[in-house]
Amino acid sequence: MFISSAYAQAAGGDTASSLFSLLPLVLMFVVLYFVMIRPQMKRQKEHKLMVEALTKGDEIISAGGILGKISKVGDIYIGVELADGVEIQMQRSAVIQVLPKGTIK
């Protein structure tokens, strides 16, 4: 019936053990950053630089798989010549790769 006061005082926590329990969560976030977030940001930066550097005459591949030669360059849209006399308009951001000159014949 009588409760010892020693049991009631044992409920206090240790701050070092609570900080140590957060360590795996922090380590997982650091690994996630270096494995997923940082490489994705690097790819986005490279794509942005490639899209800004597009010029007339570049041979490109679009996100839809269309191969063509740039015939007109605008701020948002580019004109892409697919064949003689066949030209389409597409967004600059739809370009996923610039091919070496002479690839498309």
PDB file of N, CA and C in Angstrom:
ATOM      1  N   MET A   1       0.791  -1.191   0.000  1.00  0.00           N
ATOM      2  CA  MET A   1       0.000   0.000   0.000  1.00  0.00           C
ATOM      3  C   MET A   1       0.838   1.262   0.000  1.00  0.00           C
ATOM      4  N   PHE A   2       1.968   1.196   0.623  1.00  0.00           N
ATOM      5  CA  PHE A   2       2.815   2.377   0.674  1.00  0.00           C
ATOM      6  C   PHE A   2       3.759   2.386  -0.529  1.00  0.00           C
ATOM      7  N   ILE A   3       3.822   3.533  -1.209  1.00  0.00           N
ATOM      8  CA  ILE A   3       4.685   3.664  -2.374  1.00  0.00           C
ATOM      9  C   ILE A   3       5.972   4.343  -1.951  1.00  0.00           C
ATOM     10  N   SER A   4       7.047   3.764  -2.297  1.00  0.00           N
ATOM     11  CA  SER A   4       8.338   4.317  -1.940  1.00  0.00           C
ATOM     12  C   SER A   4       8.597   5.571  -2.768  1.00  0.00           C
ATOM     13  N   SER A   5       9.178   6.575  -2.163  1.00  0.00           N
ATOM     14  CA  SER A   5       9.469   7.820  -2.867  1.00  0.00           C
ATOM     15  C   SER A   5      10.598   7.637  -3.879  1.00  0.00           C
ATOM     16  N   ALA A   6      11.384   6.611  -3.778  1.00  0.00           N
ATOM     17  CA  ALA A   6      12.479   6.365  -4.714  1.00  0.00           C
ATOM     18  C   ALA A   6      11.936   6.024  -6.106  1.00  0.00           C
ATOM     19  N   TYR A   7      10.801   5.322  -6.162  1.00  0.00           N
ATOM     20  CA  TYR A   7      10.219   4.986  -7.460  1.00  0.00           C
ATOM     21  C   TYR A   7       9.674   6.222  -8.164  1.00  0.00           C
ATOM     22  N   ALA A   8       9.136   7.138  -7.432  1.00  0.00           N
ATOM     23  CA  ALA A   8       8.566   8.343  -8.023  1.00  0.00           C
ATOM     24  C   ALA A   8       9.654   9.242  -8.593  1.00  0.00           C
ATOM     25  N   GLN A   9      10.820   9.224  -8.007  1.00  0.00           N
ATOM     26  CA  GLN A   9      11.896  10.079  -8.477  1.00  0.00           C
ATOM     27  C   GLN A   9      12.646   9.485  -9.667  1.00  0.00           C
ATOM     28  N   ALA A  10      12.445   8.251 -10.008  1.00  0.00           N
ATOM     29  CA  ALA A  10      13.174   7.609 -11.087  1.00  0.00           C
ATOM     30  C   ALA A  10      12.640   7.975 -12.470  1.00  0.00           C
ATOM     31  N   ALA A  11      11.583   8.777 -12.563  1.00  0.00           N
ATOM     32  CA  ALA A  11      10.971   9.105 -13.841  1.00  0.00           C
ATOM     33  C   ALA A  11      11.752  10.157 -14.628  1.00  0.00           C
ATOM     34  N   GLY A  12      12.694  10.855 -14.056  1.00  0.00           N
ATOM     35  CA  GLY A  12      13.448  11.900 -14.752  1.00  0.00           C
ATOM     36  C   GLY A  12      14.303  11.320 -15.868  1.00  0.00           C
ATOM     37  N   GLY A  13      14.417  12.074 -17.022  1.00  0.00           N
ATOM     38  CA  GLY A  13      15.170  11.582 -18.171  1.00  0.00           C
ATOM     39  C   GLY A  13      16.570  12.147 -18.210  1.00  0.00           C
ATOM     40  N   ASP A  14      17.424  11.497 -18.967  1.00  0.00           N
ATOM     41  CA  ASP A  14      18.799  11.939 -19.152  1.00  0.00           C
ATOM     42  C   ASP A  14      18.883  12.658 -20.500  1.00  0.00           C
ATOM     43  N   THR A  15      19.428  13.870 -20.520  1.00  0.00           N
ATOM     44  CA  THR A  15      19.478  14.636 -21.778  1.00  0.00           C
ATOM     45  C   THR A  15      20.454  14.032 -22.774  1.00  0.00           C
ATOM     46  N   ALA A  16      21.509  13.412 -22.308  1.00  0.00           N
ATOM     47  CA  ALA A  16      22.483  12.809 -23.221  1.00  0.00           C
ATOM     48  C   ALA A  16      21.857  11.637 -23.982  1.00  0.00           C
ATOM     49  N   SER A  17      21.046  10.849 -23.314  1.00  0.00           N
ATOM     50  CA  SER A  17      20.429   9.703 -23.987  1.00  0.00           C
ATOM     51  C   SER A  17      19.368  10.159 -24.993  1.00  0.00           C
ATOM     52  N   SER A  18      18.685  11.270 -24.710  1.00  0.00           N
ATOM     53  CA  SER A  18      17.691  11.763 -25.662  1.00  0.00           C
ATOM     54  C   SER A  18      18.367  12.345 -26.911  1.00  0.00           C
ATOM     55  N   LEU A  19      19.504  12.996 -26.757  1.00  0.00           N
ATOM     56  CA  LEU A  19      20.258  13.499 -27.909  1.00  0.00           C
ATOM     57  C   LEU A  19      20.838  12.341 -28.720  1.00  0.00           C
ATOM     58  N   PHE A  20      21.289  11.315 -28.022  1.00  0.00           N
ATOM     59  CA  PHE A  20      21.846  10.144 -28.698  1.00  0.00           C
ATOM     60  C   PHE A  20      20.776   9.400 -29.490  1.00  0.00           C
ATOM     61  N   SER A  21      19.535   9.456 -29.048  1.00  0.00           N
ATOM     62  CA  SER A  21      18.455   8.782 -29.776  1.00  0.00           C
ATOM     63  C   SER A  21      18.087   9.531 -31.061  1.00  0.00           C
ATOM     64  N   LEU A  22      18.393  10.815 -31.170  1.00  0.00           N
ATOM     65  CA  LEU A  22      18.149  11.589 -32.386  1.00  0.00           C
ATOM     66  C   LEU A  22      19.257  11.430 -33.420  1.00  0.00           C
ATOM     67  N   LEU A  23      20.384  10.892 -33.019  1.00  0.00           N
ATOM     68  CA  LEU A  23      21.529  10.744 -33.909  1.00  0.00           C
ATOM     69  C   LEU A  23      21.225   9.907 -35.154  1.00  0.00           C
ATOM     70  N   PRO A  24      20.545   8.766 -35.082  1.00  0.00           N
ATOM     71  CA  PRO A  24      20.232   8.020 -36.314  1.00  0.00           C
ATOM     72  C   PRO A  24      19.363   8.804 -37.293  1.00  0.00           C
ATOM     73  N   LEU A  25      18.429   9.589 -36.799  1.00  0.00           N
ATOM     74  CA  LEU A  25      17.569  10.402 -37.662  1.00  0.00           C
ATOM     75  C   LEU A  25      18.389  11.459 -38.391  1.00  0.00           C
ATOM     76  N   VAL A  26      19.298  12.099 -37.691  1.00  0.00           N
ATOM     77  CA  VAL A  26      20.153  13.118 -38.302  1.00  0.00           C
ATOM     78  C   VAL A  26      21.077  12.475 -39.336  1.00  0.00           C
ATOM     79  N   LEU A  27      21.635  11.324 -39.029  1.00  0.00           N
ATOM     80  CA  LEU A  27      22.506  10.626 -39.969  1.00  0.00           C
ATOM     81  C   LEU A  27      21.752  10.203 -41.226  1.00  0.00           C
ATOM     82  N   MET A  28      20.505   9.750 -41.077  1.00  0.00           N
ATOM     83  CA  MET A  28      19.702   9.369 -42.243  1.00  0.00           C
ATOM     84  C   MET A  28      19.437  10.578 -43.136  1.00  0.00           C
ATOM     85  N   PHE A  29      19.173  11.744 -42.558  1.00  0.00           N
ATOM     86  CA  PHE A  29      18.944  12.940 -43.354  1.00  0.00           C
ATOM     87  C   PHE A  29      20.204  13.356 -44.105  1.00  0.00           C
ATOM     88  N   VAL A  30      21.363  13.253 -43.455  1.00  0.00           N
ATOM     89  CA  VAL A  30      22.625  13.615 -44.102  1.00  0.00           C
ATOM     90  C   VAL A  30      22.894  12.687 -45.285  1.00  0.00           C
ATOM     91  N   VAL A  31      22.682  11.390 -45.108  1.00  0.00           N
ATOM     92  CA  VAL A  31      22.880  10.434 -46.193  1.00  0.00           C
ATOM     93  C   VAL A  31      21.893  10.711 -47.327  1.00  0.00           C
ATOM     94  N   LEU A  32      20.637  10.985 -46.998  1.00  0.00           N
ATOM     95  CA  LEU A  32      19.622  11.305 -48.000  1.00  0.00           C
ATOM     96  C   LEU A  32      20.028  12.538 -48.802  1.00  0.00           C
ATOM     97  N   TYR A  33      20.571  13.538 -48.135  1.00  0.00           N
ATOM     98  CA  TYR A  33      20.997  14.754 -48.822  1.00  0.00           C
ATOM     99  C   TYR A  33      22.083  14.446 -49.843  1.00  0.00           C
ATOM    100  N   PHE A  34      23.105  13.707 -49.436  1.00  0.00           N
ATOM    101  CA  PHE A  34      24.224  13.448 -50.340  1.00  0.00           C
ATOM    102  C   PHE A  34      23.910  12.418 -51.412  1.00  0.00           C
ATOM    103  N   VAL A  35      22.942  11.538 -51.192  1.00  0.00           N
ATOM    104  CA  VAL A  35      22.627  10.506 -52.168  1.00  0.00           C
ATOM    105  C   VAL A  35      21.550  10.953 -53.151  1.00  0.00           C
ATOM    106  N   MET A  36      20.579  11.754 -52.709  1.00  0.00           N
ATOM    107  CA  MET A  36      19.444  12.103 -53.569  1.00  0.00           C
ATOM    108  C   MET A  36      19.334  13.589 -53.875  1.00  0.00           C
ATOM    109  N   ILE A  37      19.340  14.426 -52.891  1.00  0.00           N
ATOM    110  CA  ILE A  37      19.030  15.840 -53.081  1.00  0.00           C
ATOM    111  C   ILE A  37      20.145  16.575 -53.826  1.00  0.00           C
ATOM    112  N   ARG A  38      21.380  16.392 -53.412  1.00  0.00           N
ATOM    113  CA  ARG A  38      22.494  17.112 -54.030  1.00  0.00           C
ATOM    114  C   ARG A  38      22.701  16.741 -55.498  1.00  0.00           C
ATOM    115  N   PRO A  39      22.685  15.458 -55.877  1.00  0.00           N
ATOM    116  CA  PRO A  39      22.822  15.131 -57.303  1.00  0.00           C
ATOM    117  C   PRO A  39      21.684  15.681 -58.160  1.00  0.00           C
ATOM    118  N   GLN A  40      20.458  15.688 -57.619  1.00  0.00           N
ATOM    119  CA  GLN A  40      19.323  16.219 -58.369  1.00  0.00           C
ATOM    120  C   GLN A  40      19.491  17.718 -58.610  1.00  0.00           C
ATOM    121  N   MET A  41      19.966  18.447 -57.620  1.00  0.00           N
ATOM    122  CA  MET A  41      20.198  19.879 -57.793  1.00  0.00           C
ATOM    123  C   MET A  41      21.295  20.125 -58.829  1.00  0.00           C
ATOM    124  N   LYS A  42      22.305  19.267 -58.849  1.00  0.00           N
ATOM    125  CA  LYS A  42      23.378  19.401 -59.830  1.00  0.00           C
ATOM    126  C   LYS A  42      22.860  19.168 -61.242  1.00  0.00           C
ATOM    127  N   ARG A  43      21.999  18.152 -61.430  1.00  0.00           N
ATOM    128  CA  ARG A  43      21.423  17.887 -62.755  1.00  0.00           C
ATOM    129  C   ARG A  43      20.541  19.044 -63.206  1.00  0.00           C
ATOM    130  N   GLN A  44      19.754  19.619 -62.291  1.00  0.00           N
ATOM    131  CA  GLN A  44      18.907  20.753 -62.651  1.00  0.00           C
ATOM    132  C   GLN A  44      19.746  21.950 -63.085  1.00  0.00           C
ATOM    133  N   LYS A  45      20.846  22.188 -62.413  1.00  0.00           N
ATOM    134  CA  LYS A  45      21.719  23.307 -62.764  1.00  0.00           C
ATOM    135  C   LYS A  45      22.349  23.090 -64.138  1.00  0.00           C
ATOM    136  N   GLU A  46      22.804  21.858 -64.412  1.00  0.00           N
ATOM    137  CA  GLU A  46      23.394  21.561 -65.712  1.00  0.00           C
ATOM    138  C   GLU A  46      22.369  21.703 -66.837  1.00  0.00           C
ATOM    139  N   HIS A  47      21.124  21.253 -66.595  1.00  0.00           N
ATOM    140  CA  HIS A  47      20.070  21.365 -67.610  1.00  0.00           C
ATOM    141  C   HIS A  47      19.753  22.828 -67.883  1.00  0.00           C
ATOM    142  N   LYS A  48      19.687  23.627 -66.840  1.00  0.00           N
ATOM    143  CA  LYS A  48      19.394  25.052 -67.008  1.00  0.00           C
ATOM    144  C   LYS A  48      20.486  25.730 -67.839  1.00  0.00           C
ATOM    145  N   LEU A  49      21.744  25.416 -67.563  1.00  0.00           N
ATOM    146  CA  LEU A  49      22.844  26.008 -68.333  1.00  0.00           C
ATOM    147  C   LEU A  49      22.795  25.551 -69.791  1.00  0.00           C
ATOM    148  N   MET A  50      22.446  24.269 -70.043  1.00  0.00           N
ATOM    149  CA  MET A  50      22.361  23.759 -71.408  1.00  0.00           C
ATOM    150  C   MET A  50      21.233  24.453 -72.173  1.00  0.00           C
ATOM    151  N   VAL A  51      20.083  24.636 -71.537  1.00  0.00           N
ATOM    152  CA  VAL A  51      18.937  25.278 -72.190  1.00  0.00           C
ATOM    153  C   VAL A  51      19.237  26.747 -72.492  1.00  0.00           C
ATOM    154  N   GLU A  52      19.938  27.420 -71.601  1.00  0.00           N
ATOM    155  CA  GLU A  52      20.284  28.829 -71.835  1.00  0.00           C
ATOM    156  C   GLU A  52      21.292  28.974 -72.968  1.00  0.00           C
ATOM    157  N   ALA A  53      22.105  27.947 -73.208  1.00  0.00           N
ATOM    158  CA  ALA A  53      23.163  28.028 -74.214  1.00  0.00           C
ATOM    159  C   ALA A  53      22.709  27.562 -75.599  1.00  0.00           C
ATOM    160  N   LEU A  54      21.428  27.245 -75.782  1.00  0.00           N
ATOM    161  CA  LEU A  54      20.942  26.789 -77.090  1.00  0.00           C
ATOM    162  C   LEU A  54      21.088  27.905 -78.123  1.00  0.00           C
ATOM    163  N   THR A  55      21.588  27.535 -79.303  1.00  0.00           N
ATOM    164  CA  THR A  55      21.737  28.501 -80.390  1.00  0.00           C
ATOM    165  C   THR A  55      21.195  27.900 -81.677  1.00  0.00           C
ATOM    166  N   LYS A  56      21.026  28.763 -82.662  1.00  0.00           N
ATOM    167  CA  LYS A  56      20.533  28.328 -83.970  1.00  0.00           C
ATOM    168  C   LYS A  56      21.548  27.366 -84.591  1.00  0.00           C
ATOM    169  N   GLY A  57      21.050  26.260 -85.123  1.00  0.00           N
ATOM    170  CA  GLY A  57      21.916  25.271 -85.744  1.00  0.00           C
ATOM    171  C   GLY A  57      22.256  24.090 -84.853  1.00  0.00           C
ATOM    172  N   ASP A  58      21.951  24.186 -83.556  1.00  0.00           N
ATOM    173  CA  ASP A  58      22.203  23.053 -82.659  1.00  0.00           C
ATOM    174  C   ASP A  58      21.257  21.906 -82.991  1.00  0.00           C
ATOM    175  N   GLU A  59      21.747  20.699 -82.902  1.00  0.00           N
ATOM    176  CA  GLU A  59      20.918  19.514 -83.096  1.00  0.00           C
ATOM    177  C   GLU A  59      20.552  18.984 -81.721  1.00  0.00           C
ATOM    178  N   ILE A  60      19.248  18.734 -81.525  1.00  0.00           N
ATOM    179  CA  ILE A  60      18.746  18.439 -80.188  1.00  0.00           C
ATOM    180  C   ILE A  60      17.850  17.201 -80.181  1.00  0.00           C
ATOM    181  N   ILE A  61      17.629  16.692 -78.976  1.00  0.00           N
ATOM    182  CA  ILE A  61      16.612  15.666 -78.721  1.00  0.00           C
ATOM    183  C   ILE A  61      15.661  16.265 -77.691  1.00  0.00           C
ATOM    184  N   SER A  62      14.352  16.170 -77.966  1.00  0.00           N
ATOM    185  CA  SER A  62      13.368  16.702 -77.034  1.00  0.00           C
ATOM    186  C   SER A  62      12.958  15.623 -76.035  1.00  0.00           C
ATOM    187  N   ALA A  63      12.192  16.025 -75.032  1.00  0.00           N
ATOM    188  CA  ALA A  63      11.714  15.087 -74.018  1.00  0.00           C
ATOM    189  C   ALA A  63      10.784  14.044 -74.621  1.00  0.00           C
ATOM    190  N   GLY A  64      10.148  14.358 -75.730  1.00  0.00           N
ATOM    191  CA  GLY A  64       9.265  13.408 -76.405  1.00  0.00           C
ATOM    192  C   GLY A  64       9.984  12.508 -77.388  1.00  0.00           C
ATOM    193  N   GLY A  65      11.295  12.672 -77.528  1.00  0.00           N
ATOM    194  CA  GLY A  65      12.072  11.830 -78.424  1.00  0.00           C
ATOM    195  C   GLY A  65      12.212  12.370 -79.828  1.00  0.00           C
ATOM    196  N   ILE A  66      11.837  13.617 -80.055  1.00  0.00           N
ATOM    197  CA  ILE A  66      11.937  14.222 -81.382  1.00  0.00           C
ATOM    198  C   ILE A  66      13.349  14.742 -81.598  1.00  0.00           C
ATOM    199  N   LEU A  67      13.941  14.380 -82.728  1.00  0.00           N
ATOM    200  CA  LEU A  67      15.263  14.869 -83.104  1.00  0.00           C
ATOM    201  C   LEU A  67      15.094  15.963 -84.142  1.00  0.00           C
ATOM    202  N   GLY A  68      15.833  17.030 -84.010  1.00  0.00           N
ATOM    203  CA  GLY A  68      15.732  18.109 -84.979  1.00  0.00           C
ATOM    204  C   GLY A  68      16.852  19.108 -84.813  1.00  0.00           C
ATOM    205  N   LYS A  69      16.837  20.091 -85.721  1.00  0.00           N
ATOM    206  CA  LYS A  69      17.841  21.151 -85.732  1.00  0.00           C
ATOM    207  C   LYS A  69      17.137  22.459 -85.394  1.00  0.00           C
ATOM    208  N   ILE A  70      17.707  23.235 -84.503  1.00  0.00           N
ATOM    209  CA  ILE A  70      17.103  24.501 -84.093  1.00  0.00           C
ATOM    210  C   ILE A  70      17.213  25.502 -85.235  1.00  0.00           C
ATOM    211  N   SER A  71      16.047  26.071 -85.616  1.00  0.00           N
ATOM    212  CA  SER A  71      16.038  27.058 -86.684  1.00  0.00           C
ATOM    213  C   SER A  71      15.728  28.466 -86.180  1.00  0.00           C
ATOM    214  N   LYS A  72      15.019  28.581 -85.072  1.00  0.00           N
ATOM    215  CA  LYS A  72      14.706  29.879 -84.469  1.00  0.00           C
ATOM    216  C   LYS A  72      14.871  29.752 -82.959  1.00  0.00           C
ATOM    217  N   VAL A  73      15.375  30.814 -82.346  1.00  0.00           N
ATOM    218  CA  VAL A  73      15.563  30.809 -80.898  1.00  0.00           C
ATOM    219  C   VAL A  73      14.851  32.007 -80.309  1.00  0.00           C
ATOM    220  N   GLY A  74      13.968  31.763 -79.348  1.00  0.00           N
ATOM    221  CA  GLY A  74      13.271  32.825 -78.633  1.00  0.00           C
ATOM    222  C   GLY A  74      13.548  32.703 -77.145  1.00  0.00           C
ATOM    223  N   ASP A  75      12.870  33.555 -76.369  1.00  0.00           N
ATOM    224  CA  ASP A  75      13.073  33.506 -74.921  1.00  0.00           C
ATOM    225  C   ASP A  75      12.507  32.229 -74.308  1.00  0.00           C
ATOM    226  N   ILE A  76      11.298  31.856 -74.705  1.00  0.00           N
ATOM    227  CA  ILE A  76      10.622  30.694 -74.121  1.00  0.00           C
ATOM    228  C   ILE A  76      10.544  29.541 -75.115  1.00  0.00           C
ATOM    229  N   TYR A  77      10.311  29.859 -76.380  1.00  0.00           N
ATOM    230  CA  TYR A  77      10.119  28.829 -77.405  1.00  0.00           C
ATOM    231  C   TYR A  77      11.263  28.811 -78.409  1.00  0.00           C
ATOM    232  N   ILE A  78      11.464  27.642 -79.014  1.00  0.00           N
ATOM    233  CA  ILE A  78      12.425  27.508 -80.094  1.00  0.00           C
ATOM    234  C   ILE A  78      11.723  26.862 -81.277  1.00  0.00           C
ATOM    235  N   GLY A  79      12.197  27.182 -82.481  1.00  0.00           N
ATOM    236  CA  GLY A  79      11.703  26.529 -83.683  1.00  0.00           C
ATOM    237  C   GLY A  79      12.646  25.393 -84.025  1.00  0.00           C
ATOM    238  N   VAL A  80      12.088  24.209 -84.228  1.00  0.00           N
ATOM    239  CA  VAL A  80      12.904  23.040 -84.520  1.00  0.00           C
ATOM    240  C   VAL A  80      12.519  22.512 -85.888  1.00  0.00           C
ATOM    241  N   GLU A  81      13.513  22.392 -86.763  1.00  0.00           N
ATOM    242  CA  GLU A  81      13.285  21.859 -88.104  1.00  0.00           C
ATOM    243  C   GLU A  81      13.490  20.352 -88.055  1.00  0.00           C
ATOM    244  N   LEU A  82      12.409  19.609 -88.356  1.00  0.00           N
ATOM    245  CA  LEU A  82      12.467  18.146 -88.322  1.00  0.00           C
ATOM    246  C   LEU A  82      12.940  17.570 -89.645  1.00  0.00           C
ATOM    247  N   ALA A  83      12.488  18.156 -90.745  1.00  0.00           N
ATOM    248  CA  ALA A  83      12.877  17.755 -92.096  1.00  0.00           C
ATOM    249  C   ALA A  83      12.816  19.012 -92.958  1.00  0.00           C
ATOM    250  N   ASP A  84      13.141  18.902 -94.222  1.00  0.00           N
ATOM    251  CA  ASP A  84      13.077  20.066 -95.104  1.00  0.00           C
ATOM    252  C   ASP A  84      11.642  20.574 -95.178  1.00  0.00           C
ATOM    253  N   GLY A  85      11.429  21.806 -94.751  1.00  0.00           N
ATOM    254  CA  GLY A  85      10.113  22.426 -94.804  1.00  0.00           C
ATOM    255  C   GLY A  85       9.180  22.047 -93.654  1.00  0.00           C
ATOM    256  N   VAL A  86       9.613  21.223 -92.724  1.00  0.00           N
ATOM    257  CA  VAL A  86       8.778  20.826 -91.582  1.00  0.00           C
ATOM    258  C   VAL A  86       9.405  21.411 -90.319  1.00  0.00           C
ATOM    259  N   GLU A  87       8.681  22.350 -89.701  1.00  0.00           N
ATOM    260  CA  GLU A  87       9.189  23.022 -88.513  1.00  0.00           C
ATOM    261  C   GLU A  87       8.122  23.024 -87.433  1.00  0.00           C
ATOM    262  N   ILE A  88       8.527  22.800 -86.188  1.00  0.00           N
ATOM    263  CA  ILE A  88       7.601  22.852 -85.060  1.00  0.00           C
ATOM    264  C   ILE A  88       8.147  23.830 -84.024  1.00  0.00           C
ATOM    265  N   GLN A  89       7.264  24.282 -83.176  1.00  0.00           N
ATOM    266  CA  GLN A  89       7.637  25.135 -82.055  1.00  0.00           C
ATOM    267  C   GLN A  89       7.593  24.286 -80.786  1.00  0.00           C
ATOM    268  N   MET A  90       8.574  24.456 -79.919  1.00  0.00           N
ATOM    269  CA  MET A  90       8.560  23.750 -78.638  1.00  0.00           C
ATOM    270  C   MET A  90       9.203  24.627 -77.574  1.00  0.00           C
ATOM    271  N   GLN A  91       8.912  24.302 -76.333  1.00  0.00           N
ATOM    272  CA  GLN A  91       9.512  25.040 -75.236  1.00  0.00           C
ATOM    273  C   GLN A  91      10.986  24.681 -75.108  1.00  0.00           C
ATOM    274  N   ARG A  92      11.759  25.661 -74.681  1.00  0.00           N
ATOM    275  CA  ARG A  92      13.192  25.416 -74.494  1.00  0.00           C
ATOM    276  C   ARG A  92      13.430  24.339 -73.448  1.00  0.00           C
ATOM    277  N   SER A  93      12.604  24.317 -72.409  1.00  0.00           N
ATOM    278  CA  SER A  93      12.812  23.361 -71.324  1.00  0.00           C
ATOM    279  C   SER A  93      12.544  21.922 -71.748  1.00  0.00           C
ATOM    280  N   ALA A  94      11.927  21.705 -72.917  1.00  0.00           N
ATOM    281  CA  ALA A  94      11.656  20.350 -73.403  1.00  0.00           C
ATOM    282  C   ALA A  94      12.894  19.706 -74.018  1.00  0.00           C
ATOM    283  N   VAL A  95      13.955  20.455 -74.198  1.00  0.00           N
ATOM    284  CA  VAL A  95      15.190  19.911 -74.757  1.00  0.00           C
ATOM    285  C   VAL A  95      15.921  19.157 -73.646  1.00  0.00           C
ATOM    286  N   ILE A  96      16.238  17.894 -73.922  1.00  0.00           N
ATOM    287  CA  ILE A  96      16.944  17.118 -72.898  1.00  0.00           C
ATOM    288  C   ILE A  96      18.407  16.866 -73.242  1.00  0.00           C
ATOM    289  N   GLN A  97      18.769  17.000 -74.519  1.00  0.00           N
ATOM    290  CA  GLN A  97      20.155  16.752 -74.897  1.00  0.00           C
ATOM    291  C   GLN A  97      20.496  17.499 -76.173  1.00  0.00           C
ATOM    292  N   VAL A  98      21.708  18.035 -76.220  1.00  0.00           N
ATOM    293  CA  VAL A  98      22.248  18.641 -77.421  1.00  0.00           C
ATOM    294  C   VAL A  98      23.210  17.635 -78.035  1.00  0.00           C
ATOM    295  N   LEU A  99      22.959  17.306 -79.309  1.00  0.00           N
ATOM    296  CA  LEU A  99      23.778  16.319 -80.012  1.00  0.00           C
ATOM    297  C   LEU A  99      24.973  16.975 -80.668  1.00  0.00           C
ATOM    298  N   PRO A 100      26.021  16.201 -80.944  1.00  0.00           N
ATOM    299  CA  PRO A 100      27.153  16.761 -81.700  1.00  0.00           C
ATOM    300  C   PRO A 100      26.733  17.144 -83.115  1.00  0.00           C
ATOM    301  N   LYS A 101      27.388  18.132 -83.678  1.00  0.00           N
ATOM    302  CA  LYS A 101      27.065  18.597 -85.033  1.00  0.00           C
ATOM    303  C   LYS A 101      27.236  17.459 -86.030  1.00  0.00           C
ATOM    304  N   GLY A 102      26.288  17.359 -86.973  1.00  0.00           N
ATOM    305  CA  GLY A 102      26.355  16.343 -88.008  1.00  0.00           C
ATOM    306  C   GLY A 102      25.724  15.022 -87.638  1.00  0.00           C
ATOM    307  N   THR A 103      25.106  14.927 -86.479  1.00  0.00           N
ATOM    308  CA  THR A 103      24.474  13.681 -86.055  1.00  0.00           C
ATOM    309  C   THR A 103      23.227  13.391 -86.883  1.00  0.00           C
ATOM    310  N   ILE A 104      22.416  14.437 -87.103  1.00  0.00           N
ATOM    311  CA  ILE A 104      21.177  14.293 -87.847  1.00  0.00           C
ATOM    312  C   ILE A 104      21.467  14.598 -89.314  1.00  0.00           C
ATOM    313  N   LYS A 105      21.091  13.674 -90.214  1.00  0.00           N
ATOM    314  CA  LYS A 105      21.334  13.911 -91.644  1.00  0.00           C
ATOM    315  C   LYS A 105      20.062  13.798 -92.409  1.00  0.00           C
TER     316      LYS A 105
END
